[in-house]
């Protein structure tokens, strides 16, 4: 059975959800060491968090792209994650969901978070039919993320390299066993109703 198009899949506990980001070592290494982002991290920029490990690997090229050599697994509060979803706007105009393009633009400008649904990826980083959530945080949401929502930050670059090595060797079962155990996140219909494209 195929996964629903708009389903968040993530590693989560009763109180936290894990998201992924990739940074240059000068940001990623101190963040993992100290459990919070260093002063060099720019709070006034849009920051994108991703609950899908393989989508993060697609984005950062298995931690090989310049400025994305350090992959972080960031555990944040479910309360914060759901606040961001509640206050988010779709990153693109969707006929039938938004009254018109101008209304969507106004909403997007005001929203502290935005959502994109991009094709999920397989171990070869090829697109799958179902979608993966990307959650962009700016303004108030980015501040709350950095100051209040983060529970822990782990450097998982080594894991990314290990899985990639198995994939390159054709050992897909071994690679699969190392993947984070993502499962459908219990998001209510009302939480995602304004974010379906």
N, C-alpha and C. Protein backbone atom coordinates (compact mmCIF):
# COMPACT_ATOMS: atom_id res chain seq x y z
N UNK A 1 0.85 -1.20 0.00
CA UNK A 1 0.00 0.00 0.00
C UNK A 1 0.89 1.25 0.00
N UNK A 2 0.60 2.18 -0.88
CA UNK A 2 1.44 3.37 -0.96
C UNK A 2 1.10 4.35 0.15
N UNK A 3 2.10 5.16 0.51
CA UNK A 3 1.90 6.13 1.59
C UNK A 3 1.03 7.28 1.09
N UNK A 4 0.19 7.85 1.98
CA UNK A 4 -0.59 9.03 1.57
C UNK A 4 0.34 10.16 1.13
N UNK A 5 -0.16 11.01 0.24
CA UNK A 5 0.68 12.09 -0.29
C UNK A 5 1.12 13.05 0.82
N UNK A 6 0.19 13.43 1.68
CA UNK A 6 0.51 14.41 2.73
C UNK A 6 0.59 13.70 4.08
N UNK A 7 1.67 13.02 4.30
CA UNK A 7 1.88 12.34 5.57
C UNK A 7 3.28 12.67 6.05
N UNK A 8 3.38 13.15 7.29
CA UNK A 8 4.69 13.42 7.86
C UNK A 8 5.22 12.11 8.43
N UNK A 9 6.43 11.73 8.02
CA UNK A 9 7.07 10.55 8.59
C UNK A 9 8.33 11.03 9.30
N UNK A 10 8.50 10.57 10.54
CA UNK A 10 9.60 11.09 11.36
C UNK A 10 9.95 10.11 12.46
N UNK A 11 11.12 10.32 13.05
CA UNK A 11 11.48 9.67 14.30
C UNK A 11 10.90 10.57 15.40
N UNK A 12 10.10 10.01 16.29
CA UNK A 12 9.52 10.84 17.35
C UNK A 12 9.29 10.04 18.61
N UNK A 13 9.16 10.77 19.73
CA UNK A 13 8.81 10.18 21.03
C UNK A 13 7.51 10.84 21.48
N UNK A 14 7.12 10.60 22.71
CA UNK A 14 5.89 11.20 23.23
C UNK A 14 6.00 12.73 23.28
N UNK A 15 7.23 13.26 23.39
CA UNK A 15 7.36 14.72 23.56
C UNK A 15 8.24 15.39 22.52
N UNK A 16 8.98 14.61 21.70
CA UNK A 16 9.91 15.23 20.76
C UNK A 16 9.75 14.65 19.36
N UNK A 17 10.27 15.37 18.39
CA UNK A 17 10.35 14.89 17.00
C UNK A 17 11.75 15.26 16.48
N UNK A 18 12.35 14.37 15.70
CA UNK A 18 13.70 14.61 15.18
C UNK A 18 13.63 15.17 13.77
N UNK A 19 14.36 16.25 13.55
CA UNK A 19 14.47 16.86 12.22
C UNK A 19 15.95 16.92 11.86
N UNK A 20 16.22 17.12 10.57
CA UNK A 20 17.61 17.12 10.10
C UNK A 20 17.95 18.43 9.42
N UNK A 21 19.22 18.84 9.61
CA UNK A 21 19.77 19.98 8.89
C UNK A 21 21.23 19.67 8.59
N UNK A 22 21.79 20.31 7.58
CA UNK A 22 23.20 20.13 7.25
C UNK A 22 23.87 21.50 7.18
N UNK A 23 25.04 21.59 7.78
CA UNK A 23 25.75 22.87 7.88
C UNK A 23 27.23 22.67 7.59
N UNK A 24 27.91 23.77 7.36
CA UNK A 24 29.37 23.76 7.32
C UNK A 24 29.86 23.38 8.72
N UNK A 25 31.04 22.76 8.82
CA UNK A 25 31.55 22.33 10.13
C UNK A 25 31.63 23.45 11.17
N UNK A 26 31.90 24.68 10.74
CA UNK A 26 32.03 25.76 11.74
C UNK A 26 30.72 26.09 12.43
N UNK A 27 29.59 25.70 11.84
CA UNK A 27 28.29 25.83 12.49
C UNK A 27 27.89 24.49 13.12
N UNK A 28 28.00 23.42 12.33
CA UNK A 28 27.48 22.11 12.77
C UNK A 28 28.22 21.51 13.95
N UNK A 29 29.54 21.60 13.96
CA UNK A 29 30.31 20.96 15.04
C UNK A 29 30.06 21.61 16.40
N UNK A 30 30.16 22.96 16.52
CA UNK A 30 29.85 23.55 17.82
C UNK A 30 28.38 23.36 18.23
N UNK A 31 27.47 23.32 17.27
CA UNK A 31 26.06 23.11 17.60
C UNK A 31 25.87 21.75 18.26
N UNK A 32 26.50 20.72 17.69
CA UNK A 32 26.39 19.37 18.26
C UNK A 32 27.10 19.29 19.61
N UNK A 33 28.22 19.98 19.73
CA UNK A 33 28.99 19.93 20.98
C UNK A 33 28.27 20.65 22.12
N UNK A 34 27.67 21.80 21.81
CA UNK A 34 27.07 22.64 22.86
C UNK A 34 25.57 22.45 23.03
N UNK A 35 24.93 21.79 22.05
CA UNK A 35 23.48 21.59 22.16
C UNK A 35 22.66 22.80 21.75
N UNK A 36 23.32 23.79 21.16
CA UNK A 36 22.62 24.95 20.62
C UNK A 36 23.48 25.57 19.52
N UNK A 37 22.84 26.39 18.69
CA UNK A 37 23.58 26.97 17.56
C UNK A 37 24.55 28.04 18.03
N UNK A 38 25.73 28.12 17.39
CA UNK A 38 26.70 29.14 17.78
C UNK A 38 26.26 30.53 17.32
N UNK A 39 26.98 31.53 17.79
CA UNK A 39 26.65 32.93 17.46
C UNK A 39 26.67 33.17 15.95
N UNK A 40 27.49 32.39 15.23
CA UNK A 40 27.60 32.58 13.77
C UNK A 40 26.33 32.15 13.02
N UNK A 41 25.47 31.37 13.68
CA UNK A 41 24.22 30.93 13.04
C UNK A 41 23.29 32.13 12.86
N UNK A 42 22.79 32.32 11.65
CA UNK A 42 22.02 33.53 11.35
C UNK A 42 20.53 33.33 11.64
N UNK A 43 20.09 33.96 12.72
CA UNK A 43 18.69 33.81 13.15
C UNK A 43 17.71 34.58 12.28
N UNK A 44 18.23 35.52 11.50
CA UNK A 44 17.32 36.35 10.69
C UNK A 44 17.09 35.75 9.31
N UNK A 45 17.67 34.57 9.04
CA UNK A 45 17.46 33.92 7.75
C UNK A 45 16.44 32.79 7.89
N UNK A 46 15.82 32.45 6.77
CA UNK A 46 14.94 31.29 6.74
C UNK A 46 15.77 30.03 6.96
N UNK A 47 15.35 29.18 7.89
CA UNK A 47 16.06 27.92 8.11
C UNK A 47 15.08 26.77 7.87
N UNK A 48 15.50 25.78 7.09
CA UNK A 48 14.62 24.67 6.72
C UNK A 48 14.95 23.43 7.53
N UNK A 49 13.93 22.85 8.15
CA UNK A 49 14.11 21.61 8.89
C UNK A 49 13.35 20.49 8.18
N UNK A 50 13.90 19.28 8.25
CA UNK A 50 13.37 18.17 7.46
C UNK A 50 13.26 16.92 8.33
N UNK A 51 12.08 16.35 8.49
CA UNK A 51 11.96 15.12 9.28
C UNK A 51 12.44 13.87 8.53
N UNK A 52 12.68 13.97 7.23
CA UNK A 52 13.10 12.83 6.43
C UNK A 52 14.62 12.78 6.28
N UNK A 53 15.23 11.71 6.81
CA UNK A 53 16.68 11.53 6.70
C UNK A 53 17.11 11.44 5.24
N UNK A 54 16.40 10.66 4.44
CA UNK A 54 16.83 10.47 3.04
C UNK A 54 16.62 11.73 2.21
N UNK A 55 15.61 12.54 2.54
CA UNK A 55 15.49 13.81 1.81
C UNK A 55 16.66 14.72 2.16
N UNK A 56 17.07 14.67 3.44
CA UNK A 56 18.24 15.45 3.84
C UNK A 56 19.48 14.97 3.09
N UNK A 57 19.60 13.65 2.91
CA UNK A 57 20.75 13.12 2.16
C UNK A 57 20.71 13.58 0.70
N UNK A 58 19.52 13.62 0.13
CA UNK A 58 19.35 14.15 -1.24
C UNK A 58 19.82 15.60 -1.30
N UNK A 59 19.43 16.37 -0.30
CA UNK A 59 19.73 17.80 -0.28
C UNK A 59 21.23 18.07 -0.11
N UNK A 60 21.87 17.29 0.77
CA UNK A 60 23.28 17.58 1.09
C UNK A 60 24.25 16.64 0.37
N UNK A 61 23.74 15.75 -0.48
CA UNK A 61 24.61 14.82 -1.21
C UNK A 61 25.41 13.92 -0.29
N UNK A 62 24.71 13.33 0.69
CA UNK A 62 25.38 12.47 1.68
C UNK A 62 26.51 13.23 2.38
N UNK A 63 26.23 14.50 2.74
CA UNK A 63 27.19 15.35 3.46
C UNK A 63 28.44 15.67 2.64
N UNK A 64 28.27 15.76 1.30
CA UNK A 64 29.43 16.06 0.45
C UNK A 64 29.37 17.46 -0.15
N UNK A 65 28.20 18.11 -0.11
CA UNK A 65 28.10 19.43 -0.74
C UNK A 65 28.75 20.50 0.13
N UNK A 66 29.34 21.47 -0.54
CA UNK A 66 30.03 22.55 0.18
C UNK A 66 29.05 23.29 1.10
N UNK A 67 29.46 23.48 2.35
CA UNK A 67 28.61 24.15 3.32
C UNK A 67 27.57 23.25 3.95
N UNK A 68 27.58 21.96 3.56
CA UNK A 68 26.63 21.00 4.14
C UNK A 68 27.34 19.71 4.56
N UNK A 69 28.58 19.85 5.00
CA UNK A 69 29.39 18.67 5.30
C UNK A 69 29.10 18.05 6.66
N UNK A 70 28.36 18.76 7.52
CA UNK A 70 28.02 18.24 8.85
C UNK A 70 26.51 18.07 8.94
N UNK A 71 26.06 16.84 9.12
CA UNK A 71 24.62 16.56 9.21
C UNK A 71 24.23 16.46 10.67
N UNK A 72 23.21 17.21 11.03
CA UNK A 72 22.72 17.22 12.41
C UNK A 72 21.34 16.59 12.51
N UNK A 73 21.17 15.75 13.54
CA UNK A 73 19.85 15.28 13.94
C UNK A 73 19.44 16.13 15.13
N UNK A 74 18.38 16.89 14.97
CA UNK A 74 17.98 17.86 15.99
C UNK A 74 16.63 17.44 16.57
N UNK A 75 16.66 17.12 17.85
CA UNK A 75 15.43 16.72 18.53
C UNK A 75 14.76 17.99 19.04
N UNK A 76 13.53 18.23 18.60
CA UNK A 76 12.80 19.42 19.06
C UNK A 76 11.49 18.99 19.72
N UNK A 77 10.88 19.90 20.45
CA UNK A 77 9.62 19.55 21.11
C UNK A 77 8.51 19.38 20.07
N UNK A 78 7.65 18.42 20.31
CA UNK A 78 6.50 18.26 19.42
C UNK A 78 5.61 19.49 19.49
N UNK A 79 5.56 20.10 20.66
CA UNK A 79 4.76 21.32 20.82
C UNK A 79 5.24 22.42 19.87
N UNK A 80 6.55 22.60 19.79
CA UNK A 80 7.11 23.60 18.88
C UNK A 80 6.89 23.24 17.42
N UNK A 81 7.12 21.98 17.08
CA UNK A 81 6.93 21.50 15.71
C UNK A 81 5.49 21.74 15.26
N UNK A 82 4.54 21.42 16.13
CA UNK A 82 3.12 21.58 15.76
C UNK A 82 2.72 23.05 15.74
N UNK A 83 3.34 23.86 16.59
CA UNK A 83 3.08 25.32 16.53
C UNK A 83 3.50 25.84 15.15
N UNK A 84 4.67 25.39 14.69
CA UNK A 84 5.16 25.84 13.38
C UNK A 84 4.21 25.41 12.28
N UNK A 85 3.70 24.18 12.33
CA UNK A 85 2.76 23.71 11.31
C UNK A 85 1.46 24.52 11.35
N UNK A 86 0.97 24.78 12.55
CA UNK A 86 -0.28 25.56 12.69
C UNK A 86 -0.13 26.96 12.11
N UNK A 87 1.04 27.53 12.24
CA UNK A 87 1.28 28.92 11.80
C UNK A 87 1.94 29.00 10.43
N UNK A 88 2.03 27.88 9.74
CA UNK A 88 2.71 27.85 8.45
C UNK A 88 1.76 28.16 7.30
N UNK A 89 2.36 28.53 6.20
CA UNK A 89 1.65 28.76 4.94
C UNK A 89 2.34 27.92 3.87
N UNK A 90 1.58 27.39 2.93
CA UNK A 90 2.21 26.67 1.81
C UNK A 90 3.16 27.61 1.07
N UNK A 91 4.30 27.08 0.65
CA UNK A 91 5.30 27.91 -0.03
C UNK A 91 4.88 28.29 -1.44
N UNK A 92 3.82 27.69 -1.96
CA UNK A 92 3.34 28.07 -3.29
C UNK A 92 1.81 28.25 -3.27
N UNK A 93 1.32 29.01 -4.22
CA UNK A 93 -0.12 29.25 -4.33
C UNK A 93 -0.82 27.97 -4.79
N UNK A 94 -1.92 27.66 -4.14
CA UNK A 94 -2.70 26.47 -4.51
C UNK A 94 -4.16 26.87 -4.75
N UNK A 95 -4.59 26.78 -5.99
CA UNK A 95 -5.97 27.13 -6.34
C UNK A 95 -6.94 26.24 -5.56
N UNK A 96 -7.95 26.86 -4.95
CA UNK A 96 -8.92 26.09 -4.17
C UNK A 96 -8.61 26.08 -2.69
N UNK A 97 -7.33 26.24 -2.35
CA UNK A 97 -6.94 26.31 -0.94
C UNK A 97 -6.86 27.76 -0.49
N UNK A 98 -6.30 28.61 -1.35
CA UNK A 98 -6.20 30.05 -1.08
C UNK A 98 -7.26 30.77 -1.91
N UNK A 99 -7.88 31.81 -1.33
CA UNK A 99 -8.92 32.55 -2.07
C UNK A 99 -8.43 33.05 -3.43
N UNK A 100 -7.21 33.60 -3.45
CA UNK A 100 -6.60 34.04 -4.71
C UNK A 100 -5.09 34.23 -4.46
N UNK A 101 -4.37 34.51 -5.52
CA UNK A 101 -2.92 34.61 -5.42
C UNK A 101 -2.49 35.75 -4.47
N UNK A 102 -3.21 36.86 -4.51
CA UNK A 102 -2.86 38.01 -3.66
C UNK A 102 -3.04 37.65 -2.18
N UNK A 103 -4.12 36.93 -1.86
CA UNK A 103 -4.38 36.52 -0.47
C UNK A 103 -3.27 35.57 0.01
N UNK A 104 -2.86 34.65 -0.88
CA UNK A 104 -1.77 33.73 -0.53
C UNK A 104 -0.49 34.52 -0.27
N UNK A 105 -0.18 35.51 -1.11
CA UNK A 105 1.05 36.29 -0.93
C UNK A 105 1.04 37.03 0.41
N UNK A 106 -0.12 37.57 0.78
CA UNK A 106 -0.24 38.27 2.07
C UNK A 106 -0.01 37.29 3.22
N UNK A 107 -0.61 36.12 3.10
CA UNK A 107 -0.48 35.10 4.13
C UNK A 107 0.98 34.64 4.25
N UNK A 108 1.61 34.43 3.11
CA UNK A 108 3.00 33.97 3.11
C UNK A 108 3.91 35.00 3.76
N UNK A 109 3.65 36.27 3.50
CA UNK A 109 4.48 37.34 4.06
C UNK A 109 4.37 37.40 5.58
N UNK A 110 3.16 37.13 6.07
CA UNK A 110 2.92 37.21 7.53
C UNK A 110 3.36 35.94 8.27
N UNK A 111 3.32 34.80 7.59
CA UNK A 111 3.53 33.52 8.27
C UNK A 111 4.98 33.35 8.74
N UNK A 112 5.18 32.89 9.99
CA UNK A 112 6.54 32.66 10.48
C UNK A 112 7.10 31.31 10.03
N UNK A 113 6.29 30.53 9.31
CA UNK A 113 6.76 29.23 8.82
C UNK A 113 6.13 28.95 7.46
N UNK A 114 6.82 28.16 6.65
CA UNK A 114 6.25 27.77 5.36
C UNK A 114 6.54 26.29 5.09
N UNK A 115 5.67 25.69 4.29
CA UNK A 115 5.74 24.26 4.05
C UNK A 115 5.88 23.97 2.56
N UNK A 116 6.78 23.04 2.24
CA UNK A 116 6.87 22.47 0.90
C UNK A 116 6.75 20.95 1.04
N UNK A 117 6.06 20.34 0.09
CA UNK A 117 5.99 18.88 0.03
C UNK A 117 6.80 18.45 -1.20
N UNK A 118 7.95 17.87 -0.96
CA UNK A 118 8.82 17.45 -2.06
C UNK A 118 8.88 15.93 -2.13
N UNK A 119 9.13 15.36 -3.31
CA UNK A 119 9.15 13.90 -3.40
C UNK A 119 10.12 13.27 -2.40
N UNK A 120 9.61 12.28 -1.66
CA UNK A 120 10.48 11.50 -0.77
C UNK A 120 11.52 10.78 -1.62
N UNK A 121 12.59 10.32 -1.02
CA UNK A 121 13.70 9.70 -1.75
C UNK A 121 13.95 8.27 -1.26
N UNK A 122 14.48 7.44 -2.17
CA UNK A 122 14.88 6.10 -1.78
C UNK A 122 16.38 6.09 -1.48
N UNK A 123 16.95 4.93 -1.24
CA UNK A 123 18.37 4.86 -0.88
C UNK A 123 19.30 5.35 -1.99
N UNK A 124 18.82 5.30 -3.24
CA UNK A 124 19.61 5.84 -4.34
C UNK A 124 19.31 7.33 -4.56
N UNK A 125 18.50 7.89 -3.66
CA UNK A 125 18.08 9.30 -3.69
C UNK A 125 17.23 9.62 -4.92
N UNK A 126 16.59 8.58 -5.45
CA UNK A 126 15.64 8.78 -6.55
C UNK A 126 14.28 9.13 -5.97
N UNK A 127 13.47 9.95 -6.67
CA UNK A 127 12.18 10.37 -6.13
C UNK A 127 11.19 9.21 -6.03
N UNK A 128 10.40 9.24 -4.96
CA UNK A 128 9.31 8.29 -4.74
C UNK A 128 7.98 8.99 -5.00
N UNK A 129 6.88 8.25 -5.16
CA UNK A 129 5.60 8.89 -5.49
C UNK A 129 5.03 9.74 -4.35
N UNK A 130 5.37 9.40 -3.09
CA UNK A 130 4.81 10.19 -2.00
C UNK A 130 5.75 11.32 -1.59
N UNK A 131 5.22 12.22 -0.77
CA UNK A 131 5.93 13.47 -0.49
C UNK A 131 6.55 13.49 0.90
N UNK A 132 7.52 14.36 1.04
CA UNK A 132 8.23 14.56 2.29
C UNK A 132 8.07 16.03 2.70
N UNK A 133 7.88 16.26 3.98
CA UNK A 133 7.67 17.62 4.48
C UNK A 133 8.99 18.38 4.63
N UNK A 134 9.02 19.60 4.11
CA UNK A 134 10.11 20.54 4.41
C UNK A 134 9.44 21.72 5.13
N UNK A 135 9.98 22.10 6.26
CA UNK A 135 9.37 23.15 7.07
C UNK A 135 10.36 24.30 7.22
N UNK A 136 10.03 25.44 6.63
CA UNK A 136 10.89 26.62 6.69
C UNK A 136 10.49 27.52 7.84
N UNK A 137 11.46 27.93 8.63
CA UNK A 137 11.19 28.78 9.80
C UNK A 137 11.86 30.13 9.62
N UNK A 138 11.12 31.18 9.91
CA UNK A 138 11.68 32.52 9.81
C UNK A 138 11.13 33.37 10.94
N UNK A 139 11.74 34.52 11.20
CA UNK A 139 11.22 35.44 12.20
C UNK A 139 10.99 34.77 13.55
N UNK A 140 9.76 34.88 14.05
CA UNK A 140 9.42 34.35 15.38
C UNK A 140 9.69 32.84 15.46
N UNK A 141 9.35 32.11 14.40
CA UNK A 141 9.53 30.65 14.43
C UNK A 141 11.01 30.28 14.53
N UNK A 142 11.87 30.98 13.78
CA UNK A 142 13.31 30.68 13.83
C UNK A 142 13.87 30.98 15.22
N UNK A 143 13.41 32.08 15.82
CA UNK A 143 13.86 32.43 17.18
C UNK A 143 13.43 31.37 18.18
N UNK A 144 12.15 30.96 18.11
CA UNK A 144 11.64 29.94 19.03
C UNK A 144 12.37 28.62 18.85
N UNK A 145 12.63 28.27 17.61
CA UNK A 145 13.36 27.05 17.29
C UNK A 145 14.72 27.06 17.99
N UNK A 146 15.47 28.12 17.78
CA UNK A 146 16.84 28.19 18.31
C UNK A 146 16.86 28.28 19.84
N UNK A 147 15.88 29.00 20.42
CA UNK A 147 15.93 29.29 21.85
C UNK A 147 15.15 28.30 22.71
N UNK A 148 13.99 27.85 22.21
CA UNK A 148 13.07 27.11 23.08
C UNK A 148 12.78 25.67 22.68
N UNK A 149 12.81 25.37 21.39
CA UNK A 149 12.32 24.06 20.96
C UNK A 149 13.37 22.97 20.99
N UNK A 150 14.64 23.32 20.85
CA UNK A 150 15.69 22.29 20.73
C UNK A 150 15.92 21.58 22.05
N UNK A 151 15.84 20.26 21.99
CA UNK A 151 16.09 19.41 23.16
C UNK A 151 17.51 18.84 23.09
N UNK A 152 17.94 18.41 21.90
CA UNK A 152 19.30 17.90 21.73
C UNK A 152 19.73 18.03 20.27
N UNK A 153 21.04 18.10 20.06
CA UNK A 153 21.62 18.15 18.71
C UNK A 153 22.72 17.10 18.63
N UNK A 154 22.63 16.22 17.63
CA UNK A 154 23.65 15.17 17.44
C UNK A 154 24.26 15.29 16.05
N UNK A 155 25.56 15.09 15.98
CA UNK A 155 26.26 15.05 14.70
C UNK A 155 26.15 13.62 14.16
N UNK A 156 25.42 13.45 13.06
CA UNK A 156 25.23 12.11 12.49
C UNK A 156 25.91 11.99 11.12
N UNK A 157 26.93 12.80 10.90
CA UNK A 157 27.65 12.76 9.63
C UNK A 157 28.24 11.37 9.39
N UNK A 158 28.78 10.75 10.43
CA UNK A 158 29.36 9.41 10.31
C UNK A 158 28.32 8.39 9.86
N UNK A 159 27.10 8.52 10.39
CA UNK A 159 26.02 7.61 9.98
C UNK A 159 25.70 7.81 8.50
N UNK A 160 25.64 9.06 8.07
CA UNK A 160 25.37 9.37 6.66
C UNK A 160 26.43 8.72 5.77
N UNK A 161 27.70 8.85 6.15
CA UNK A 161 28.79 8.27 5.36
C UNK A 161 28.71 6.74 5.33
N UNK A 162 28.36 6.14 6.48
CA UNK A 162 28.27 4.67 6.55
C UNK A 162 27.16 4.14 5.65
N UNK A 163 26.00 4.78 5.70
CA UNK A 163 24.88 4.34 4.86
C UNK A 163 25.23 4.52 3.39
N UNK A 164 25.84 5.65 3.06
CA UNK A 164 26.23 5.92 1.68
C UNK A 164 27.22 4.87 1.17
N UNK A 165 28.18 4.48 2.03
CA UNK A 165 29.17 3.47 1.65
C UNK A 165 28.48 2.14 1.32
N UNK A 166 27.50 1.75 2.13
CA UNK A 166 26.74 0.52 1.86
C UNK A 166 25.99 0.63 0.52
N UNK A 167 25.39 1.79 0.28
CA UNK A 167 24.64 1.98 -0.98
C UNK A 167 25.60 1.87 -2.17
N UNK A 168 26.75 2.51 -2.06
CA UNK A 168 27.74 2.44 -3.15
C UNK A 168 28.21 1.01 -3.41
N UNK A 169 28.28 0.22 -2.33
CA UNK A 169 28.73 -1.18 -2.45
C UNK A 169 27.60 -2.11 -2.87
N UNK A 170 26.39 -1.57 -3.02
CA UNK A 170 25.25 -2.40 -3.39
C UNK A 170 24.68 -3.19 -2.23
N UNK A 171 25.10 -2.87 -1.01
CA UNK A 171 24.61 -3.58 0.19
C UNK A 171 23.38 -2.85 0.74
N UNK A 172 22.28 -2.92 -0.01
CA UNK A 172 21.12 -2.11 0.33
C UNK A 172 20.44 -2.55 1.63
N UNK A 173 20.48 -3.85 1.91
CA UNK A 173 19.87 -4.32 3.17
C UNK A 173 20.64 -3.77 4.36
N UNK A 174 21.95 -3.77 4.28
CA UNK A 174 22.78 -3.22 5.35
C UNK A 174 22.52 -1.73 5.51
N UNK A 175 22.39 -1.03 4.38
CA UNK A 175 22.08 0.41 4.41
C UNK A 175 20.72 0.64 5.07
N UNK A 176 19.74 -0.16 4.66
CA UNK A 176 18.37 -0.03 5.19
C UNK A 176 18.34 -0.19 6.71
N UNK A 177 19.13 -1.14 7.20
CA UNK A 177 19.14 -1.41 8.65
C UNK A 177 19.65 -0.22 9.46
N UNK A 178 20.50 0.60 8.83
CA UNK A 178 21.07 1.75 9.54
C UNK A 178 20.18 3.00 9.49
N UNK A 179 19.18 2.98 8.63
CA UNK A 179 18.32 4.17 8.49
C UNK A 179 17.57 4.46 9.78
N UNK A 180 17.40 5.74 10.12
CA UNK A 180 16.54 6.08 11.26
C UNK A 180 15.13 5.51 11.04
N UNK A 181 14.51 5.02 12.11
CA UNK A 181 13.20 4.35 12.02
C UNK A 181 12.06 5.37 11.98
N UNK A 182 11.85 5.96 10.81
CA UNK A 182 10.79 6.95 10.66
C UNK A 182 9.44 6.26 10.51
N UNK A 183 8.43 6.83 11.15
CA UNK A 183 7.07 6.28 11.05
C UNK A 183 6.08 7.43 10.93
N UNK A 184 4.86 7.14 10.49
CA UNK A 184 3.89 8.22 10.32
C UNK A 184 3.70 9.01 11.62
N UNK A 185 3.83 10.33 11.50
CA UNK A 185 3.66 11.22 12.66
C UNK A 185 2.17 11.46 12.88
N UNK A 186 1.72 11.39 14.13
CA UNK A 186 0.29 11.53 14.39
C UNK A 186 -0.22 12.97 14.30
N UNK A 187 -0.19 13.52 13.10
CA UNK A 187 -0.69 14.89 12.88
C UNK A 187 -2.17 14.81 12.55
N UNK A 188 -2.96 15.59 13.24
CA UNK A 188 -4.41 15.58 12.99
C UNK A 188 -4.71 16.20 11.62
N UNK A 189 -5.86 15.86 11.07
CA UNK A 189 -6.27 16.43 9.78
C UNK A 189 -6.30 17.95 9.85
N UNK A 190 -6.77 18.47 11.00
CA UNK A 190 -6.88 19.94 11.14
C UNK A 190 -5.50 20.61 11.13
N UNK A 191 -4.47 19.88 11.58
CA UNK A 191 -3.12 20.44 11.62
C UNK A 191 -2.56 20.63 10.22
N UNK A 192 -2.98 19.78 9.29
CA UNK A 192 -2.42 19.82 7.93
C UNK A 192 -3.39 20.34 6.88
N UNK A 193 -4.64 20.59 7.28
CA UNK A 193 -5.69 20.96 6.28
C UNK A 193 -5.29 22.17 5.44
N UNK A 194 -4.62 23.16 6.06
CA UNK A 194 -4.26 24.39 5.33
C UNK A 194 -2.92 24.25 4.59
N UNK A 195 -2.35 23.02 4.61
CA UNK A 195 -1.02 22.83 4.03
C UNK A 195 -1.01 21.76 2.94
N UNK A 196 -2.17 21.37 2.48
CA UNK A 196 -2.22 20.32 1.45
C UNK A 196 -2.23 20.97 0.06
N UNK A 197 -1.34 20.49 -0.79
CA UNK A 197 -1.30 21.05 -2.15
C UNK A 197 -1.93 20.08 -3.13
